């Protein structure tokens, strides 16, 4: 279904929100005028937060790396709107009748940024030694990838134990960036110095990284895609204060802000100015959901009545309106509402906002109020990625107080948050926003599949949830080729997951890009800002 294209009007949006309407989707004129009068030159400056730890997303699913990686690293495929595959490092591909062999014909004469030739060996190494081992989603998505055969330098054949229908939607430079085997083979992958000094085949080459401050990339003059990229340089500045990011865009110190890195009300206000455009397209590969993991290793949270009580005490519609300011919908299942082929709320427990139910469930679970009115204490760790989780946590603290739970908020930088939740397991509740993927197998399964509980792997099964029935449904859906059967499998999964509630969906978010009108063609396909920006150019006359 094609979404309408028109400039966002703040008053109409707020009026629509008050009436319960969904946020309209916007396609800016710059996205529609693909390649019209494109010129070389110029520097694109953007702002984001938090800063990156690594420079490639083959070893992490973290957001900062997911933005940077596809600028410097290519995948086998790209994706047009509607998630239609298009050539990147692979010029063509063929899937065998039984779905067990996928042959990729690779692009000739592609060079790594250090001048070495790109070959099928790089593809085989990346998938078999890196993504299947170190990538939080890749461990699930490529679990049935047995081997990558390399009959010659320009042919890579994926050999599968079972068909993997979702795999073909996860071969871009963000989800599966190809790494140089000549620099990684035989090394400790996670400690390899090229994780912070990257050598890719991508449209832009790494120049510098000042940790927590900035990353600078420059045009790759030997890029394989015709005369692209058009930009001379991309500068990413890491600015912790959201109001400063807004001020920089309005003052012309930043040209574009991707991924909702401005406060929602600021985006709506700025979008009314004639010199700016807002675009909600280009995020098909990374529809995202704010959600909260319950640490099921904590005795008090092992009782599903406690988890359900907490769910009933949180007004998710209030969070949509007052924290996300309409950029999303209340989370209703583990799936994002835009995963339309599989999203289904029929028969799925809903946990309407009802603190009286919370009180009754907590009493039933044996947690009576003490003399001070407190039943027990919990700590919530909100991610510092953006401001929405911290603000939502402050709201939740008040809601928990009303039902007798003393909720303490603990904030820390992004690296400490990741380590605390997924390595040290030192948390009660973890609140974060994560990509759900173009297919539930890509982005959702990792949070509920027991085999993806692996301390140290970020944004995986943080709750330590384990249910053999859920595992069976998720594993069956990985290989099922019949759409109707897959839909039923995911429907059953949604019902079980929302009954047992190891993770509470909070908001299915809507991502946005806001740019000065001089920034052209920043969103030309389903990858948008999470692609390579090779088509993007600066029109100084705008």
Protein backbone atom coordinates (compact mmCIF):
# COMPACT_ATOMS: atom_id res chain seq x y z
CA UNK A 1 0.00 0.00 0.00
CA UNK A 2 1.46 3.37 -1.02
CA UNK A 3 1.44 6.01 1.68
CA UNK A 4 0.33 9.55 0.83
CA UNK A 5 2.89 12.26 0.13
CA UNK A 6 2.42 15.75 1.51
CA UNK A 7 4.13 18.24 3.76
CA UNK A 8 3.54 17.66 7.44
CA UNK A 9 1.35 20.27 9.10
CA UNK A 10 1.81 20.46 12.86
CA UNK A 11 -1.68 21.74 13.62
CA UNK A 12 -3.29 19.01 11.53
CA UNK A 13 -1.15 16.41 13.21
CA UNK A 14 -1.97 17.54 16.72
CA UNK A 15 -5.65 17.76 15.82
CA UNK A 16 -5.42 14.24 14.41
CA UNK A 17 -3.70 12.97 17.54
CA UNK A 18 -6.42 14.36 19.73
CA UNK A 19 -8.95 12.49 17.64
CA UNK A 20 -6.93 9.30 17.87
CA UNK A 21 -5.78 9.42 14.25
CA UNK A 22 -2.48 7.94 13.12
CA UNK A 23 0.46 10.16 12.19
CA UNK A 24 0.37 10.94 8.44
CA UNK A 25 3.33 9.78 6.38
CA UNK A 26 5.26 12.35 4.41
CA UNK A 27 7.49 12.11 1.36
CA UNK A 28 9.47 15.26 0.83
CA UNK A 29 9.95 16.62 -2.69
CA UNK A 30 13.70 15.98 -2.38
CA UNK A 31 12.98 12.25 -2.19
CA UNK A 32 10.80 12.29 -5.28
CA UNK A 33 13.22 14.21 -7.49
CA UNK A 34 15.75 11.38 -7.66
CA UNK A 35 18.87 12.43 -9.49
CA UNK A 36 17.31 15.60 -10.93
CA UNK A 37 20.21 17.98 -11.56
CA UNK A 38 22.48 16.24 -9.06
CA UNK A 39 25.86 17.94 -8.58
CA UNK A 40 29.11 16.85 -7.02
CA UNK A 41 30.62 18.58 -4.04
CA UNK A 42 29.75 19.81 -0.62
CA UNK A 43 29.78 18.53 2.93
CA UNK A 44 26.73 17.06 4.62
CA UNK A 45 26.69 17.67 8.37
CA UNK A 46 24.32 15.80 10.64
CA UNK A 47 23.93 15.46 14.40
CA UNK A 48 23.16 12.37 16.45
CA UNK A 49 23.49 10.82 19.90
CA UNK A 50 24.97 8.68 21.41
CA UNK A 51 28.40 8.30 19.87
CA UNK A 52 29.53 5.15 18.17
CA UNK A 53 31.74 2.47 19.69
CA UNK A 54 32.60 0.56 16.51
CA UNK A 55 32.51 1.50 12.83
CA UNK A 56 30.77 -1.53 11.36
CA UNK A 57 27.45 -3.18 12.12
CA UNK A 58 28.55 -6.73 11.33
CA UNK A 59 29.53 -7.18 14.98
CA UNK A 60 26.73 -5.28 16.70
CA UNK A 61 23.10 -4.30 16.24
CA UNK A 62 23.62 -1.00 18.04
CA UNK A 63 22.02 2.08 16.46
CA UNK A 64 25.07 4.35 16.03
CA UNK A 65 26.91 1.64 14.07
CA UNK A 66 23.80 0.83 12.02
CA UNK A 67 23.79 4.41 10.73
CA UNK A 68 27.51 4.62 9.97
CA UNK A 69 28.21 1.18 8.57
CA UNK A 70 26.34 1.36 5.25
CA UNK A 71 28.16 4.57 4.31
CA UNK A 72 31.49 2.72 4.39
CA UNK A 73 30.46 -0.91 3.81
CA UNK A 74 28.26 -2.42 1.12
CA UNK A 75 25.92 -5.38 1.38
CA UNK A 76 25.11 -7.89 -1.31
CA UNK A 77 21.79 -6.16 -2.01
CA UNK A 78 19.99 -2.86 -1.64
CA UNK A 79 16.21 -2.43 -1.37
CA UNK A 80 13.81 -0.22 -3.26
CA UNK A 81 10.63 0.99 -1.58
CA UNK A 82 8.46 -2.02 -0.83
CA UNK A 83 11.60 -4.00 0.08
CA UNK A 84 12.26 -5.08 -3.48
CA UNK A 85 15.85 -6.27 -3.74
CA UNK A 86 18.22 -4.45 -6.07
CA UNK A 87 21.89 -5.02 -6.95
CA UNK A 88 24.72 -3.85 -4.75
CA UNK A 89 27.82 -6.05 -4.39
CA UNK A 90 25.76 -8.77 -6.05
CA UNK A 91 24.62 -7.90 -9.56
CA UNK A 92 22.14 -10.78 -9.77
CA UNK A 93 21.02 -13.79 -7.75
CA UNK A 94 19.14 -17.05 -8.16
CA UNK A 95 17.27 -19.19 -5.63
CA UNK A 96 17.00 -22.92 -6.27
CA UNK A 97 13.57 -24.51 -6.51
CA UNK A 98 13.89 -26.13 -3.08
CA UNK A 99 15.11 -22.87 -1.53
CA UNK A 100 18.32 -24.46 -0.25
CA UNK A 101 20.85 -22.79 -2.56
CA UNK A 102 21.10 -19.09 -3.32
CA UNK A 103 23.68 -18.13 -5.93
CA UNK A 104 24.98 -14.57 -5.97
CA UNK A 105 26.85 -13.25 -8.98
CA UNK A 106 29.23 -10.64 -7.62
CA UNK A 107 30.16 -7.28 -9.06
CA UNK A 108 33.55 -7.30 -10.81
CA UNK A 109 36.36 -4.77 -10.30
CA UNK A 110 35.24 -3.66 -6.84
CA UNK A 111 38.10 -2.54 -4.59
CA UNK A 112 38.38 -2.29 -0.86
CA UNK A 113 39.36 1.15 0.37
CA UNK A 114 42.96 -0.10 0.74
CA UNK A 115 43.05 -1.08 -2.95
CA UNK A 116 42.70 -4.85 -2.51
CA UNK A 117 40.14 -6.64 -4.71
CA UNK A 118 36.75 -7.66 -3.35
CA UNK A 119 36.02 -11.38 -3.93
CA UNK A 120 33.65 -14.15 -2.94
CA UNK A 121 36.05 -15.07 -0.14
CA UNK A 122 35.07 -11.87 1.63
CA UNK A 123 31.39 -12.87 1.42
CA UNK A 124 32.03 -16.36 2.76
CA UNK A 125 34.17 -15.12 5.62
CA UNK A 126 31.76 -12.37 6.64
CA UNK A 127 28.72 -14.59 6.92
CA UNK A 128 30.32 -17.74 8.30
CA UNK A 129 32.87 -16.21 10.68
CA UNK A 130 31.35 -12.89 11.70
CA UNK A 131 27.62 -12.39 11.22
CA UNK A 132 26.59 -15.93 12.24
CA UNK A 133 28.77 -15.64 15.35
CA UNK A 134 28.83 -12.03 16.53
CA UNK A 135 25.72 -10.31 15.18
CA UNK A 136 22.68 -10.26 17.50
CA UNK A 137 20.16 -10.73 14.68
CA UNK A 138 22.49 -12.64 12.38
CA UNK A 139 22.80 -15.54 14.79
CA UNK A 140 19.08 -16.10 14.33
CA UNK A 141 18.63 -15.10 10.73
CA UNK A 142 21.52 -17.14 9.34
CA UNK A 143 21.24 -20.06 11.75
CA UNK A 144 20.48 -22.42 8.83
CA UNK A 145 23.30 -21.15 6.63
CA UNK A 146 25.59 -24.20 6.46
CA UNK A 147 28.23 -22.89 4.09
CA UNK A 148 29.09 -20.26 1.52
CA UNK A 149 30.67 -21.92 -1.47
CA UNK A 150 33.06 -19.90 -3.62
CA UNK A 151 33.49 -21.69 -6.97
CA UNK A 152 35.27 -18.59 -8.30
CA UNK A 153 36.09 -15.07 -7.19
CA UNK A 154 32.79 -13.64 -8.43
CA UNK A 155 30.35 -16.32 -7.30
CA UNK A 156 29.09 -16.95 -3.76
CA UNK A 157 26.60 -19.75 -3.14
CA UNK A 158 24.68 -19.83 0.13
CA UNK A 159 24.02 -23.43 1.15
CA UNK A 160 21.10 -23.73 3.54
CA UNK A 161 19.98 -26.51 5.85
CA UNK A 162 16.41 -25.28 5.44
CA UNK A 163 14.84 -22.45 3.43
CA UNK A 164 15.27 -18.99 4.95
CA UNK A 165 12.62 -16.68 3.48
CA UNK A 166 13.49 -13.68 5.68
CA UNK A 167 17.17 -13.82 4.76
CA UNK A 168 16.64 -12.13 1.40
CA UNK A 169 15.42 -9.00 3.21
CA UNK A 170 18.56 -8.70 5.33
CA UNK A 171 21.46 -8.47 2.90
CA UNK A 172 22.07 -4.71 2.85
CA UNK A 173 25.05 -2.78 4.18
CA UNK A 174 23.37 -2.07 7.50
CA UNK A 175 22.15 -5.55 8.34
CA UNK A 176 24.91 -7.61 6.68
CA UNK A 177 27.91 -5.45 5.74
CA UNK A 178 30.65 -7.37 3.93
CA UNK A 179 34.02 -7.17 5.71
CA UNK A 180 37.51 -7.59 4.17
CA UNK A 181 38.70 -11.12 4.89
CA UNK A 182 42.32 -10.11 4.25
CA UNK A 183 42.14 -7.83 7.31
CA UNK A 184 39.96 -9.98 9.59
CA UNK A 185 40.72 -13.66 8.93
CA UNK A 186 42.71 -15.27 11.71
CA UNK A 187 42.17 -12.41 14.15
CA UNK A 188 40.08 -11.89 17.26
CA UNK A 189 37.06 -10.41 15.45
CA UNK A 190 35.81 -8.28 18.32
CA UNK A 191 39.27 -6.89 19.06
CA UNK A 192 40.33 -6.29 15.47
CA UNK A 193 41.68 -2.72 15.11
CA UNK A 194 39.71 -2.26 11.88
CA UNK A 195 36.52 -2.21 13.91
CA UNK A 196 37.47 1.39 14.68
CA UNK A 197 39.64 2.04 11.62
CA UNK A 198 37.33 0.64 8.95
CA UNK A 199 38.21 -0.47 5.44
CA UNK A 200 35.12 -1.08 3.32
CA UNK A 201 33.98 -1.04 -0.28
CA UNK A 202 31.38 1.65 0.39
CA UNK A 203 30.59 5.04 -1.06
CA UNK A 204 32.53 6.87 1.65
CA UNK A 205 35.91 6.25 3.23
CA UNK A 206 36.75 6.67 6.89
CA UNK A 207 38.76 9.77 7.77
CA UNK A 208 38.59 10.27 11.53
CA UNK A 209 36.75 9.44 14.73
CA UNK A 210 36.92 11.48 17.91
CA UNK A 211 35.13 9.30 20.42
CA UNK A 212 31.87 10.83 21.56
CA UNK A 213 32.47 13.92 19.42
CA UNK A 214 32.43 13.21 15.69
CA UNK A 215 33.03 10.90 12.75
CA UNK A 216 34.25 12.20 9.39
CA UNK A 217 33.95 10.30 6.09
CA UNK A 218 35.04 11.36 2.61
CA UNK A 219 33.99 10.44 -0.92
CA UNK A 220 35.32 7.18 -2.33
CA UNK A 221 36.49 8.24 -5.82
CA UNK A 222 36.69 4.62 -6.94
CA UNK A 223 33.15 3.65 -5.98
CA UNK A 224 31.49 1.19 -8.33
CA UNK A 225 28.18 3.07 -8.72
CA UNK A 226 28.80 5.33 -11.70
CA UNK A 227 29.71 8.89 -10.70
CA UNK A 228 28.32 8.53 -7.19
CA UNK A 229 28.60 9.50 -4.42
CA UNK A 230 27.94 13.18 -5.03
CA UNK A 231 28.95 14.50 -1.62
CA UNK A 232 32.60 15.21 -0.89
CA UNK A 233 32.27 14.56 2.80
CA UNK A 234 29.88 13.52 5.57
CA UNK A 235 30.40 14.76 9.12
CA UNK A 236 28.46 13.21 12.01
CA UNK A 237 28.61 15.31 15.18
CA UNK A 238 27.58 13.67 18.45
CA UNK A 239 25.63 16.13 20.57
CA UNK A 240 24.16 14.89 23.84
CA UNK A 241 21.75 17.79 24.41
CA UNK A 242 18.62 17.54 22.25
CA UNK A 243 17.92 21.28 22.32
CA UNK A 244 21.43 21.93 21.03
CA UNK A 245 20.81 19.55 18.13
CA UNK A 246 17.67 21.53 17.30
CA UNK A 247 19.52 24.83 17.51
CA UNK A 248 22.27 23.56 15.22
CA UNK A 249 19.78 22.55 12.53
CA UNK A 250 17.95 25.88 12.70
CA UNK A 251 21.24 27.82 12.65
CA UNK A 252 22.56 25.95 9.63
CA UNK A 253 25.31 24.20 11.60
CA UNK A 254 23.66 20.91 10.65
CA UNK A 255 21.99 20.20 7.32
CA UNK A 256 19.82 17.22 8.19
CA UNK A 257 18.81 15.17 11.22
CA UNK A 258 17.86 11.54 10.80
CA UNK A 259 16.23 8.92 13.01
CA UNK A 260 14.18 11.24 15.27
CA UNK A 261 17.28 12.77 16.83
CA UNK A 262 15.35 15.97 17.50
CA UNK A 263 12.57 16.23 20.07
CA UNK A 264 9.26 15.49 18.38
CA UNK A 265 7.75 18.90 19.11
CA UNK A 266 10.82 20.57 17.64
CA UNK A 267 10.48 18.51 14.46
CA UNK A 268 6.81 19.45 14.13
CA UNK A 269 7.63 23.14 14.70
CA UNK A 270 10.57 23.24 12.30
CA UNK A 271 8.62 21.37 9.62
CA UNK A 272 6.31 24.41 9.34
CA UNK A 273 9.22 26.54 8.18
CA UNK A 274 9.51 26.89 4.43
CA UNK A 275 13.22 26.08 4.35
CA UNK A 276 12.78 22.61 5.90
CA UNK A 277 11.13 19.33 4.94
CA UNK A 278 10.21 16.32 7.01
CA UNK A 279 10.14 12.80 5.59
CA UNK A 280 8.83 9.62 7.20
CA UNK A 281 9.91 7.31 4.41
CA UNK A 282 13.13 5.34 4.15
CA UNK A 283 12.81 3.30 7.33
CA UNK A 284 11.22 0.10 6.00
CA UNK A 285 14.21 -2.01 7.00
CA UNK A 286 14.21 -0.67 10.54
CA UNK A 287 10.71 -0.11 11.86
CA UNK A 288 11.37 0.34 15.54
CA UNK A 289 9.63 -0.35 18.82
CA UNK A 290 10.16 1.02 22.29
CA UNK A 291 9.89 -1.92 24.65
CA UNK A 292 10.73 -2.96 28.18
CA UNK A 293 12.45 -6.19 29.18
CA UNK A 294 11.63 -7.82 32.51
CA UNK A 295 14.69 -9.58 33.89
CA UNK A 296 13.23 -13.03 34.55
CA UNK A 297 16.23 -13.94 36.67
CA UNK A 298 14.80 -11.65 39.35
CA UNK A 299 12.50 -13.67 41.66
CA UNK A 300 9.87 -10.92 41.99
CA UNK A 301 9.55 -10.66 38.20
CA UNK A 302 9.23 -14.39 37.63
CA UNK A 303 5.57 -14.17 38.64
CA UNK A 304 3.61 -13.29 35.49
CA UNK A 305 1.01 -11.51 37.65
CA UNK A 306 3.64 -8.95 38.63
CA UNK A 307 4.59 -8.37 34.99
CA UNK A 308 0.93 -8.05 34.01
CA UNK A 309 0.31 -5.65 36.90
CA UNK A 310 3.10 -3.40 35.68
CA UNK A 311 1.65 -3.53 32.14
CA UNK A 312 -1.79 -2.44 33.36
CA UNK A 313 -0.26 0.51 35.23
CA UNK A 314 1.31 2.04 32.09
CA UNK A 315 -0.83 4.15 29.77
CA UNK A 316 0.96 3.54 26.47
CA UNK A 317 -1.35 5.94 24.62
CA UNK A 318 -0.23 8.66 27.05
CA UNK A 319 3.41 7.90 26.20
CA UNK A 320 2.66 8.11 22.46
CA UNK A 321 1.03 11.51 22.89
CA UNK A 322 3.24 13.10 25.54
CA UNK A 323 6.65 11.47 24.99
CA UNK A 324 6.67 10.64 21.27
CA UNK A 325 4.19 13.44 20.38
CA UNK A 326 2.33 11.33 17.88
CA UNK A 327 5.32 9.71 16.19
CA UNK A 328 4.02 6.19 16.76
CA UNK A 329 1.20 4.02 18.06
CA UNK A 330 0.75 2.18 21.38
CA UNK A 331 2.62 -1.12 21.27
CA UNK A 332 0.16 -4.02 21.15
CA UNK A 333 2.22 -7.10 20.26
CA UNK A 334 5.91 -7.97 19.87
CA UNK A 335 5.51 -6.98 16.21
CA UNK A 336 5.45 -3.47 14.83
CA UNK A 337 2.13 -2.41 13.31
CA UNK A 338 3.90 -1.77 9.99
CA UNK A 339 4.92 -5.42 9.72
CA UNK A 340 1.53 -5.68 8.09
CA UNK A 341 1.88 -9.19 6.67
CA UNK A 342 2.20 -10.67 10.16
CA UNK A 343 0.84 -8.16 12.67
CA UNK A 344 -2.34 -9.51 14.28
CA UNK A 345 -4.01 -8.49 17.54
CA UNK A 346 -6.95 -10.93 17.36
CA UNK A 347 -7.07 -12.84 20.63
CA UNK A 348 -3.87 -11.19 21.86
CA UNK A 349 -4.00 -9.90 25.49
CA UNK A 350 -4.07 -6.12 25.44
CA UNK A 351 -3.31 -4.87 29.00
CA UNK A 352 -5.48 -1.79 28.93
CA UNK A 353 -4.53 1.00 31.29
CA UNK A 354 -6.22 0.03 34.57
CA UNK A 355 -4.27 0.60 37.82
CA UNK A 356 -7.04 -1.13 39.80
CA UNK A 357 -6.21 -4.35 37.97
CA UNK A 358 -2.57 -3.76 38.82
CA UNK A 359 -3.43 -3.46 42.51
CA UNK A 360 -5.52 -6.64 42.46
CA UNK A 361 -2.84 -8.64 40.64
CA UNK A 362 -0.12 -7.53 43.05
CA UNK A 363 -2.31 -8.39 46.05
CA UNK A 364 -3.05 -11.78 44.50
CA UNK A 365 0.69 -12.35 43.99
CA UNK A 366 1.23 -11.79 47.72
CA UNK A 367 2.86 -8.37 47.52
CA UNK A 368 0.85 -6.38 50.05
CA UNK A 369 1.60 -2.74 50.72
CA UNK A 370 3.85 -2.07 53.69
CA UNK A 371 3.26 0.58 56.33
CA UNK A 372 4.87 3.11 54.02
CA UNK A 373 2.59 2.04 51.16
CA UNK A 374 5.42 0.32 49.25
CA UNK A 375 5.15 -3.28 48.09
CA UNK A 376 8.71 -3.67 46.76
CA UNK A 377 11.44 -1.78 44.91
CA UNK A 378 12.61 -2.09 41.31
CA UNK A 379 15.19 -0.29 39.19
CA UNK A 380 14.65 0.71 35.58
CA UNK A 381 17.53 1.33 33.17
CA UNK A 382 16.44 3.50 30.21
CA UNK A 383 18.68 3.62 27.17
CA UNK A 384 20.38 6.98 26.59
CA UNK A 385 19.73 6.59 22.83
CA UNK A 386 17.59 9.68 22.30
CA UNK A 387 15.52 11.14 25.15
CA UNK A 388 12.29 9.18 24.86
CA UNK A 389 13.21 6.26 27.10
CA UNK A 390 14.45 8.49 29.91
CA UNK A 391 11.28 10.60 29.77
CA UNK A 392 9.05 7.53 29.59
CA UNK A 393 10.90 6.05 32.59
CA UNK A 394 10.12 9.19 34.60
CA UNK A 395 6.43 8.75 33.78
CA UNK A 396 6.59 5.07 34.72
CA UNK A 397 8.18 5.92 38.06
CA UNK A 398 5.09 7.91 39.01
CA UNK A 399 2.74 5.22 37.72
CA UNK A 400 4.55 2.55 39.72
CA UNK A 401 4.39 4.70 42.85
CA UNK A 402 0.62 4.79 42.54
CA UNK A 403 0.40 0.98 42.66
CA UNK A 404 2.94 0.62 45.47
CA UNK A 405 6.16 -0.08 43.56
CA UNK A 406 9.15 2.10 44.35
CA UNK A 407 10.77 2.45 40.92
CA UNK A 408 14.25 3.95 40.82
CA UNK A 409 15.68 5.30 37.56
CA UNK A 410 19.33 4.60 36.79
CA UNK A 411 20.96 6.44 33.91
CA UNK A 412 24.37 5.83 32.38
CA UNK A 413 26.16 6.22 29.08
CA UNK A 414 25.32 3.91 26.20
CA UNK A 415 28.29 1.54 26.60
CA UNK A 416 27.59 1.05 30.31
CA UNK A 417 23.88 0.49 29.58
CA UNK A 418 24.72 -2.24 27.05
CA UNK A 419 27.17 -3.94 29.42
CA UNK A 420 24.84 -3.74 32.42
CA UNK A 421 21.85 -5.26 30.64
CA UNK A 422 23.30 -7.83 28.25
CA UNK A 423 26.66 -8.71 29.81
CA UNK A 424 26.44 -8.22 33.58
CA UNK A 425 22.69 -8.97 33.77
CA UNK A 426 22.52 -6.33 36.51
CA UNK A 427 19.04 -4.88 35.98
CA UNK A 428 15.35 -5.31 36.80
CA UNK A 429 13.67 -3.44 33.93
CA UNK A 430 15.42 -2.29 30.73
CA UNK A 431 13.68 0.27 28.51
CA UNK A 432 14.99 0.82 24.99
CA UNK A 433 14.02 1.26 21.35
CA UNK A 434 15.08 -1.39 18.85
CA UNK A 435 14.69 -2.15 15.15
CA UNK A 436 12.05 -4.79 14.45
CA UNK A 437 13.26 -5.45 10.91
CA UNK A 438 11.51 -5.77 7.58
CA UNK A 439 10.42 -9.26 8.68
CA UNK A 440 9.78 -10.49 12.25
CA UNK A 441 12.42 -13.19 11.85
CA UNK A 442 15.00 -10.45 11.31
CA UNK A 443 14.26 -8.15 14.23
CA UNK A 444 11.67 -9.62 16.59
CA UNK A 445 12.72 -13.25 17.05
CA UNK A 446 15.98 -12.35 18.78
CA UNK A 447 14.12 -11.01 21.83
CA UNK A 448 12.06 -14.16 22.47
CA UNK A 449 14.07 -17.10 21.13
CA UNK A 450 15.73 -18.99 24.01
CA UNK A 451 18.77 -19.79 21.86
CA UNK A 452 19.41 -16.09 21.52
CA UNK A 453 19.92 -15.67 25.25
CA UNK A 454 23.65 -15.16 25.18
CA UNK A 455 25.15 -12.78 27.75
CA UNK A 456 27.35 -10.27 25.99
CA UNK A 457 25.24 -10.08 22.82
CA UNK A 458 23.47 -6.74 22.94
CA UNK A 459 19.82 -6.30 21.99
CA UNK A 460 19.13 -10.00 22.13
CA UNK A 461 16.99 -11.99 24.59
CA UNK A 462 17.51 -9.63 27.51
CA UNK A 463 14.70 -11.06 29.62
CA UNK A 464 16.25 -14.58 29.49
CA UNK A 465 12.86 -15.87 28.29
CA UNK A 466 12.53 -19.55 27.41
CA UNK A 467 9.41 -21.28 26.12
CA UNK A 468 9.76 -24.42 23.95
CA UNK A 469 6.45 -23.71 22.20
CA UNK A 470 7.58 -20.21 21.27
CA UNK A 471 10.94 -21.56 20.12
CA UNK A 472 9.17 -24.09 17.89
CA UNK A 473 6.92 -21.44 16.33
CA UNK A 474 9.80 -19.06 15.69
CA UNK A 475 12.02 -21.76 14.26
CA UNK A 476 9.25 -23.05 12.02
CA UNK A 477 8.56 -19.54 10.72
CA UNK A 478 12.23 -19.16 9.80
CA UNK A 479 11.90 -21.81 7.09
CA UNK A 480 8.22 -21.75 6.14
CA UNK A 481 7.70 -20.65 2.53
CA UNK A 482 3.90 -20.53 2.60
CA UNK A 483 2.81 -17.03 3.65
CA UNK A 484 -0.52 -18.10 5.20
CA UNK A 485 1.22 -20.69 7.37
CA UNK A 486 3.86 -18.18 8.47
CA UNK A 487 1.13 -15.70 9.35
CA UNK A 488 -0.56 -18.28 11.57
CA UNK A 489 2.74 -19.15 13.25
CA UNK A 490 3.40 -15.52 14.09
CA UNK A 491 -0.18 -15.06 15.28
CA UNK A 492 0.22 -17.89 17.79
CA UNK A 493 3.57 -16.47 18.82
CA UNK A 494 2.04 -13.04 19.48
CA UNK A 495 -0.69 -14.55 21.67
CA UNK A 496 1.76 -16.55 23.80
CA UNK A 497 4.31 -13.77 24.11
CA UNK A 498 1.71 -11.25 25.26
CA UNK A 499 0.26 -13.73 27.74
CA UNK A 500 3.60 -14.57 29.35
CA UNK A 501 4.93 -11.03 28.85
CA UNK A 502 8.73 -11.35 29.16
CA UNK A 503 8.90 -8.06 27.26
CA UNK A 504 6.30 -5.30 27.24
CA UNK A 505 5.81 -3.40 23.95
CA UNK A 506 5.47 0.30 24.74
CA UNK A 507 5.35 2.26 21.46
CA UNK A 508 5.59 1.20 17.83
CA UNK A 509 7.48 4.27 16.72
CA UNK A 510 7.45 6.29 13.51
CA UNK A 511 10.89 7.42 12.41
CA UNK A 512 11.52 10.72 10.67
CA UNK A 513 14.14 12.70 8.79
CA UNK A 514 14.11 16.49 8.85
CA UNK A 515 16.32 18.34 6.41
CA UNK A 516 17.05 21.74 4.94
CA UNK A 517 15.60 21.95 1.44
CA UNK A 518 19.07 22.21 -0.05
CA UNK A 519 19.68 18.57 0.90
CA UNK A 520 18.42 16.51 -2.04
CA UNK A 521 17.80 12.79 -2.51
CA UNK A 522 18.59 11.81 1.07
CA UNK A 523 15.76 9.25 0.93
CA UNK A 524 15.62 7.36 -2.35
CA UNK A 525 14.76 3.83 -1.28
CA UNK A 526 13.67 1.62 1.62
CA UNK A 527 17.03 2.09 3.37
CA UNK A 528 16.89 5.88 3.46
CA UNK A 529 19.37 7.31 5.96
CA UNK A 530 20.39 3.77 6.87
CA UNK A 531 21.68 3.33 3.34
CA UNK A 532 24.83 4.75 1.78
CA UNK A 533 23.63 8.30 0.94
CA UNK A 534 25.42 7.92 -2.39
CA UNK A 535 22.56 9.71 -4.19
CA UNK A 536 22.44 12.61 -1.74
CA UNK A 537 23.62 16.01 -2.97
CA UNK A 538 23.61 19.66 -1.95
CA UNK A 539 21.71 22.27 -3.94
CA UNK A 540 23.19 25.55 -2.74
CA UNK A 541 20.58 27.49 -4.69
CA UNK A 542 17.69 26.08 -2.63
